[in-house]
Amino acid sequence: MKKIVLYLLLLFLSIECLNAKDYIHIENNIPKSQKKALVILNGVGDSKKYRKIQLEFFKDNGMDVFIPDYKQRSSLDESLYKFSVFYDLHEIDSYKEVNFMCYIIGGYILNRYIEINGKKNIKKIIYDRSPIQERAAKIGVDKLPFLTKIKFGQLVFDFSKVKLNPLKDDDGLEIGVIIENQATRLMRAFEKTSYEYGPYSFDIKKIEKNYDDYFHTWLDHDLMYKRFDVIGSEILYFYKNGSFTKEARRNKYNWDPFKKIRL
């Protein structure tokens, strides 16, 4: 038991988060009104290493790239405010078109932003969703409250209480969803606890009713930040076409999502 507690402590404290910086790539020789922008809203598992990987992959694909350091330890509301300030500061609403890649909490922040400010020039959104990882906040608050408070402040406590509701009005938007089919090592440690919150559903209609297209991936939430050799081509295809490829997997993987698998 002591070894398990020590393992979780080391794992929890080794996760970088809320300490990164804005990562931005802009082609300055073209007016914003003639360009597209990609805004990536990472989750609490964010890190400088992951941001560098994301920027390196997306920067030369016909879009200016913005990866804001928006998450605030103080609250979800402050995180929304920080993102709103970032959006205005960089005049992102001046772009011809804006696309988003949102990792769980990032999707919540974007949806709140749109409900308050409207869609503006936002055209395409990809939500990264994970039925398993989306219980991590509740587990952190219920089972590791002290460590959660130290590591994330109030942010995760706030997020553990909210629902990931779809936008009330998705007219004019093209929405894609990537569904993770595997648990992270932290969630594997809390497999039994996670099932206490109810059964899991990987049904797209129960995850995001506004979807235009979706696919299932074998990646866990941590790998979603760096394995663009697996998901990158589908993401770029969606931003160009408003759908994923015909080859993208529309069926859930037939396995135990808590068993570590690498394809």
Protein backbone atom coordinates (compact mmCIF):
# COMPACT_ATOMS: atom_id res chain seq x y z
CA MET A 1 0.00 0.00 0.00
CA LYS A 2 2.81 2.40 0.88
CA LYS A 3 4.46 1.70 -2.46
CA ILE A 4 1.23 2.52 -4.28
CA VAL A 5 0.84 5.80 -2.39
CA LEU A 6 4.47 6.73 -3.08
CA TYR A 7 4.06 5.87 -6.75
CA LEU A 8 0.95 8.04 -7.06
CA LEU A 9 2.63 10.89 -5.23
CA LEU A 10 5.66 10.84 -7.52
CA LEU A 11 3.49 10.47 -10.60
CA PHE A 12 1.16 13.27 -9.59
CA LEU A 13 3.92 15.72 -8.76
CA SER A 14 5.88 14.88 -11.90
CA ILE A 15 3.08 16.10 -14.16
CA GLU A 16 3.90 19.54 -15.50
CA CYS A 17 0.96 21.90 -15.59
CA LEU A 18 -0.08 25.52 -15.19
CA ASN A 19 3.53 26.63 -15.52
CA ALA A 20 4.04 26.87 -19.25
CA LYS A 21 3.99 29.94 -21.45
CA ASP A 22 2.27 31.06 -24.63
CA TYR A 23 3.60 29.31 -27.71
CA ILE A 24 2.90 31.21 -30.93
CA HIS A 25 3.87 30.97 -34.60
CA ILE A 26 2.85 33.80 -36.93
CA GLU A 27 3.57 34.39 -40.62
CA ASN A 28 4.06 38.16 -40.47
CA ASN A 29 4.24 38.78 -44.23
CA ILE A 30 0.53 38.06 -44.76
CA PRO A 31 -2.37 40.18 -43.39
CA LYS A 32 -4.54 38.49 -40.79
CA SER A 33 -7.61 39.04 -42.93
CA GLN A 34 -6.11 36.65 -45.49
CA LYS A 35 -4.99 33.96 -43.06
CA LYS A 36 -6.34 31.17 -40.92
CA ALA A 37 -5.48 30.72 -37.26
CA LEU A 38 -5.34 27.61 -35.12
CA VAL A 39 -5.89 28.00 -31.38
CA ILE A 40 -4.99 25.03 -29.19
CA LEU A 41 -6.56 24.98 -25.73
CA ASN A 42 -4.72 22.35 -23.72
CA GLY A 43 -5.94 20.63 -20.58
CA VAL A 44 -4.43 20.38 -17.12
CA GLY A 45 -1.98 17.73 -18.35
CA ASP A 46 -0.31 20.42 -20.43
CA SER A 47 3.47 20.93 -20.38
CA LYS A 48 6.19 22.95 -22.09
CA LYS A 49 7.38 19.77 -23.78
CA TYR A 50 3.94 19.06 -25.21
CA ARG A 51 3.51 22.65 -26.42
CA LYS A 52 6.79 22.48 -28.29
CA ILE A 53 5.69 19.24 -29.96
CA GLN A 54 2.33 20.75 -30.90
CA LEU A 55 3.84 23.92 -32.31
CA GLU A 56 6.44 22.01 -34.30
CA PHE A 57 3.76 19.84 -35.88
CA PHE A 58 1.18 22.52 -36.71
CA LYS A 59 3.29 25.59 -37.54
CA ASP A 60 3.89 24.90 -41.24
CA ASN A 61 0.38 23.85 -42.23
CA GLY A 62 -1.12 27.08 -43.51
CA MET A 63 -2.30 28.46 -40.18
CA ASP A 64 -0.87 30.81 -37.58
CA VAL A 65 -0.71 28.84 -34.35
CA PHE A 66 -1.63 30.06 -30.86
CA ILE A 67 -1.19 27.88 -27.76
CA PRO A 68 -2.13 30.15 -24.85
CA ASP A 69 -1.17 29.76 -21.22
CA TYR A 70 -4.74 30.41 -20.10
CA LYS A 71 -5.31 28.09 -17.14
CA GLN A 72 -5.32 29.83 -13.77
CA ARG A 73 -4.96 28.13 -10.39
CA SER A 74 -7.47 30.55 -8.89
CA SER A 75 -10.58 29.37 -10.77
CA LEU A 76 -12.25 28.33 -14.00
CA ASP A 77 -13.70 31.82 -14.32
CA GLU A 78 -10.25 33.39 -14.14
CA SER A 79 -9.07 30.92 -16.77
CA LEU A 80 -11.88 32.02 -19.08
CA TYR A 81 -10.95 35.65 -18.45
CA LYS A 82 -7.26 34.95 -19.19
CA PHE A 83 -8.19 33.28 -22.47
CA SER A 84 -10.50 36.17 -23.41
CA VAL A 85 -7.70 38.67 -22.81
CA PHE A 86 -5.31 36.57 -24.90
CA TYR A 87 -7.84 36.38 -27.74
CA ASP A 88 -8.30 40.14 -27.78
CA LEU A 89 -4.61 40.94 -27.33
CA HIS A 90 -3.63 38.96 -30.41
CA GLU A 91 -6.66 40.20 -32.39
CA ILE A 92 -7.59 36.67 -33.32
CA ASP A 93 -11.04 37.79 -34.39
CA SER A 94 -9.29 39.68 -37.24
CA TYR A 95 -8.36 36.44 -39.00
CA LYS A 96 -10.21 35.18 -42.05
CA GLU A 97 -10.97 31.95 -40.22
CA VAL A 98 -10.19 30.50 -36.79
CA ASN A 99 -9.99 26.80 -35.97
CA PHE A 100 -9.69 25.21 -32.54
CA MET A 101 -8.21 22.07 -31.00
CA CYS A 102 -9.56 21.62 -27.48
CA TYR A 103 -8.45 19.16 -24.82
CA ILE A 104 -11.34 18.47 -22.38
CA ILE A 105 -11.17 21.54 -20.10
CA GLY A 106 -10.21 23.59 -23.15
CA GLY A 107 -13.49 22.62 -24.79
CA TYR A 108 -15.39 23.77 -21.73
CA ILE A 109 -13.59 27.14 -21.81
CA LEU A 110 -14.18 27.61 -25.54
CA ASN A 111 -17.88 26.79 -25.28
CA ARG A 112 -18.32 29.30 -22.47
CA TYR A 113 -16.42 31.89 -24.49
CA ILE A 114 -18.67 31.33 -27.51
CA GLU A 115 -21.85 31.45 -25.43
CA ILE A 116 -20.76 34.85 -24.09
CA ASN A 117 -19.09 36.40 -27.14
CA GLY A 118 -20.59 34.59 -30.11
CA LYS A 119 -18.85 32.50 -32.76
CA LYS A 120 -17.28 35.46 -34.58
CA ASN A 121 -14.95 33.97 -37.21
CA ILE A 122 -14.63 30.55 -35.59
CA LYS A 123 -15.28 27.88 -38.22
CA LYS A 124 -13.96 24.47 -37.18
CA ILE A 125 -13.57 22.90 -33.74
CA ILE A 126 -12.04 19.57 -32.77
CA TYR A 127 -12.82 18.37 -29.27
CA ASP A 128 -10.57 15.77 -27.66
CA ARG A 129 -12.88 13.75 -25.43
CA SER A 130 -12.17 10.90 -23.05
CA PRO A 131 -14.93 9.20 -21.05
CA ILE A 132 -12.23 7.91 -18.69
CA GLN A 133 -10.01 10.98 -18.32
CA GLU A 134 -13.03 13.22 -17.78
CA ARG A 135 -13.45 11.58 -14.37
CA ALA A 136 -9.90 12.47 -13.34
CA ALA A 137 -10.95 15.79 -11.79
CA LYS A 138 -13.57 14.14 -9.57
CA ILE A 139 -11.15 11.43 -8.53
CA GLY A 140 -8.45 13.98 -7.77
CA VAL A 141 -10.82 16.00 -5.60
CA ASP A 142 -12.37 12.99 -3.86
CA LYS A 143 -9.29 10.81 -3.36
CA LEU A 144 -6.30 13.17 -3.48
CA PRO A 145 -7.69 16.56 -2.39
CA PHE A 146 -4.50 17.79 -0.74
CA LEU A 147 -2.24 16.94 -3.68
CA THR A 148 -4.82 18.25 -6.13
CA LYS A 149 -5.00 21.59 -4.33
CA ILE A 150 -1.20 21.87 -4.21
CA LYS A 151 -0.74 21.00 -7.87
CA PHE A 152 -3.71 22.69 -9.51
CA GLY A 153 -5.13 25.14 -7.00
CA GLN A 154 -8.88 25.73 -7.21
CA LEU A 155 -9.05 25.05 -10.95
CA VAL A 156 -9.60 21.29 -10.80
CA PHE A 157 -12.02 21.63 -7.88
CA ASP A 158 -14.12 23.97 -10.03
CA PHE A 159 -13.90 21.71 -13.06
CA SER A 160 -14.96 18.65 -11.06
CA LYS A 161 -18.37 20.27 -10.53
CA VAL A 162 -19.24 21.25 -14.11
CA LYS A 163 -20.83 19.38 -17.00
CA LEU A 164 -19.36 19.38 -20.50
CA ASN A 165 -22.45 20.67 -22.24
CA PRO A 166 -22.55 21.13 -26.02
CA LEU A 167 -23.03 24.55 -27.55
CA LYS A 168 -26.64 25.70 -27.63
CA ASP A 169 -26.20 26.92 -31.21
CA ASP A 170 -23.66 25.29 -33.52
CA ASP A 171 -24.90 26.85 -36.77
CA GLY A 172 -21.99 27.74 -39.04
CA LEU A 173 -19.55 25.51 -37.18
CA GLU A 174 -17.98 22.25 -38.29
CA ILE A 175 -17.32 20.11 -35.23
CA GLY A 176 -15.10 17.05 -35.03
CA VAL A 177 -14.55 14.79 -32.03
CA ILE A 178 -11.64 12.49 -31.21
CA ILE A 179 -12.59 9.85 -28.64
CA GLU A 180 -9.79 8.36 -26.56
CA ASN A 181 -10.15 4.62 -25.98
CA GLN A 182 -7.49 4.06 -23.36
CA ALA A 183 -6.81 5.15 -19.78
CA THR A 184 -3.70 7.00 -18.67
CA ARG A 185 -1.43 5.36 -16.12
CA LEU A 186 -2.86 7.63 -13.41
CA MET A 187 -6.42 6.59 -14.22
CA ARG A 188 -5.38 2.94 -14.36
CA ALA A 189 -4.31 3.30 -10.74
CA PHE A 190 -7.87 4.40 -9.93
CA GLU A 191 -9.73 1.97 -12.19
CA LYS A 192 -11.99 0.61 -9.45
CA THR A 193 -12.76 4.08 -8.12
CA SER A 194 -13.58 5.42 -11.58
CA TYR A 195 -16.29 2.80 -12.10
CA GLU A 196 -17.98 3.94 -8.88
CA TYR A 197 -19.12 7.05 -10.77
CA GLY A 198 -21.17 4.91 -13.16
CA PRO A 199 -20.75 2.99 -16.41
CA TYR A 200 -18.69 4.36 -19.27
CA SER A 201 -20.15 5.27 -22.64
CA PHE A 202 -18.07 5.77 -25.78
CA ASP A 203 -21.16 6.57 -27.88
CA ILE A 204 -20.55 9.78 -29.82
CA LYS A 205 -24.21 10.78 -29.45
CA LYS A 206 -23.81 10.81 -25.67
CA ILE A 207 -20.44 12.57 -25.79
CA GLU A 208 -21.11 15.47 -28.19
CA LYS A 209 -24.48 15.88 -29.88
CA ASN A 210 -23.27 18.67 -32.19
CA TYR A 211 -20.67 16.54 -33.95
CA ASP A 212 -20.25 16.56 -37.73
CA ASP A 213 -17.69 13.76 -37.68
CA TYR A 214 -15.66 11.76 -35.19
CA PHE A 215 -13.21 8.92 -34.79
CA HIS A 216 -11.91 6.66 -32.05
CA THR A 217 -8.21 6.51 -31.23
CA TRP A 218 -6.21 3.99 -29.22
CA LEU A 219 -4.25 6.85 -27.64
CA ASP A 220 -4.65 7.77 -23.98
CA HIS A 221 -4.95 11.38 -22.88
CA ASP A 222 -1.23 11.91 -22.29
CA LEU A 223 -0.35 10.56 -25.73
CA MET A 224 -2.88 12.88 -27.37
CA TYR A 225 -0.48 15.76 -26.75
CA LYS A 226 2.44 14.24 -28.64
CA ARG A 227 1.53 11.34 -30.93
CA PHE A 228 0.69 13.36 -34.00
CA ASP A 229 2.14 10.57 -36.08
CA VAL A 230 -1.08 8.76 -35.11
CA ILE A 231 -3.72 11.52 -35.16
CA GLY A 232 -2.06 14.47 -36.91
CA SER A 233 -3.08 13.72 -40.48
CA GLU A 234 -6.73 13.31 -39.47
CA ILE A 235 -6.68 16.63 -37.62
CA LEU A 236 -5.22 18.49 -40.59
CA TYR A 237 -7.66 16.79 -42.95
CA PHE A 238 -10.57 17.98 -40.83
CA TYR A 239 -9.37 21.58 -40.87
CA LYS A 240 -9.24 21.45 -44.67
CA ASN A 241 -12.41 19.46 -45.35
CA GLY A 242 -14.69 19.65 -42.32
CA SER A 243 -14.60 15.87 -41.92
CA PHE A 244 -12.16 13.11 -41.11
CA THR A 245 -10.98 10.63 -43.72
CA LYS A 246 -12.95 7.55 -44.74
CA GLU A 247 -10.24 5.46 -43.10
CA ALA A 248 -10.73 7.03 -39.66
CA ARG A 249 -12.08 4.52 -37.14
CA ARG A 250 -15.76 5.11 -36.33
CA ASN A 251 -16.09 2.10 -34.03
CA LYS A 252 -14.92 1.80 -30.44
CA TYR A 253 -11.95 -0.47 -29.85
CA ASN A 254 -13.09 -3.83 -28.52
CA TRP A 255 -10.81 -4.06 -25.51
CA ASP A 256 -10.49 -3.23 -21.84
CA PRO A 257 -9.57 0.49 -21.90
CA PHE A 258 -7.71 0.11 -18.60
CA LYS A 259 -5.17 -2.32 -20.06
CA LYS A 260 -2.06 -0.65 -21.45
CA ILE A 261 -1.94 -1.22 -25.21
CA ARG A 262 0.32 0.31 -27.86
CA LEU A 263 -0.43 -0.15 -31.55
